[in-house]
Amino acid sequence: MTNIKIIVEKHSDGYIAYPLGIQGVVIGEGNTYEEALTDVRSAIQFHVETFGAEVLEPESPVLEAFVAEASL
């Protein structure tokens, strides 16, 4: 089992999700957080089955991800 960090963004028209530490473009979407997460998990599984485990970085350099806001 491989743990993959996933970013989930909330937009006015739904959610998008994408993994960190995978070669290639993998995105999931949904009307809810859970739907987007389920969709991106399915997309990751398909991506790995299609292109092989080589698309997974052996160890993601990302330990944690944060969102910050700055006023200019």
Protein backbone atom coordinates (compact mmCIF):
# COMPACT_ATOMS: atom_id res chain seq x y z
CA MET A 1 0.00 0.00 0.00
CA THR A 2 1.30 3.43 -0.99
CA ASN A 3 0.22 6.61 0.75
CA ILE A 4 -0.29 9.53 -1.60
CA LYS A 5 -0.93 13.10 -0.54
CA ILE A 6 -3.94 14.64 -2.29
CA ILE A 7 -4.84 18.30 -2.58
CA VAL A 8 -8.58 19.05 -2.61
CA GLU A 9 -9.75 22.51 -3.67
CA LYS A 10 -13.24 23.91 -3.17
CA HIS A 11 -14.54 26.10 -5.99
CA SER A 12 -17.88 27.80 -6.51
CA ASP A 13 -18.99 25.00 -8.85
CA GLY A 14 -17.62 21.99 -6.94
CA TYR A 15 -14.37 20.38 -5.83
CA ILE A 16 -11.23 19.30 -7.67
CA ALA A 17 -8.55 16.98 -6.30
CA TYR A 18 -5.08 16.08 -7.48
CA PRO A 19 -2.25 13.97 -6.06
CA LEU A 20 1.30 15.01 -5.24
CA GLY A 21 4.23 12.79 -6.16
CA ILE A 22 2.86 11.22 -9.35
CA GLN A 23 4.35 11.66 -12.81
CA GLY A 24 1.70 12.82 -15.26
CA VAL A 25 -1.58 14.63 -14.83
CA VAL A 26 -4.22 13.05 -12.60
CA ILE A 27 -7.30 15.01 -11.52
CA GLY A 28 -10.60 14.15 -9.89
CA GLU A 29 -13.71 16.25 -9.49
CA GLY A 30 -17.06 16.17 -7.76
CA ASN A 31 -19.91 18.15 -6.29
CA THR A 32 -18.68 17.28 -2.79
CA TYR A 33 -15.33 16.78 -1.09
CA GLU A 34 -16.00 13.04 -0.83
CA GLU A 35 -16.95 12.74 -4.52
CA ALA A 36 -13.77 14.52 -5.61
CA LEU A 37 -11.64 12.32 -3.34
CA THR A 38 -13.31 9.14 -4.63
CA ASP A 39 -12.87 10.31 -8.23
CA VAL A 40 -9.18 11.14 -7.84
CA ARG A 41 -8.51 7.80 -6.10
CA SER A 42 -10.06 6.03 -9.08
CA ALA A 43 -8.03 8.19 -11.48
CA ILE A 44 -4.80 7.41 -9.59
CA GLN A 45 -5.52 3.68 -9.71
CA PHE A 46 -6.24 3.85 -13.45
CA HIS A 47 -3.08 5.91 -14.05
CA VAL A 48 -0.88 3.40 -12.20
CA GLU A 49 -2.53 0.41 -13.92
CA THR A 50 -2.05 2.08 -17.31
CA PHE A 51 1.49 3.42 -16.96
CA GLY A 52 2.94 1.20 -14.23
CA ALA A 53 4.20 1.80 -10.73
CA GLU A 54 7.09 3.82 -12.18
CA VAL A 55 4.77 6.87 -12.21
CA LEU A 56 4.86 6.89 -8.41
CA GLU A 57 7.77 8.77 -6.91
CA PRO A 58 9.60 6.39 -4.56
CA GLU A 59 9.32 8.92 -1.73
CA SER A 60 7.41 12.15 -2.09
CA PRO A 61 9.47 15.13 -0.98
CA VAL A 62 6.25 16.77 0.29
CA LEU A 63 5.78 16.15 4.01
CA GLU A 64 2.76 18.44 4.43
CA ALA A 65 0.93 21.01 2.34
CA PHE A 66 -0.43 24.29 3.67
CA VAL A 67 -2.60 27.05 2.30
CA ALA A 68 -1.67 30.60 3.23
CA GLU A 69 -3.09 33.96 2.28
CA ALA A 70 -1.20 37.22 1.89
CA SER A 71 -2.54 40.73 1.41
CA LEU A 72 -0.69 42.98 -1.02
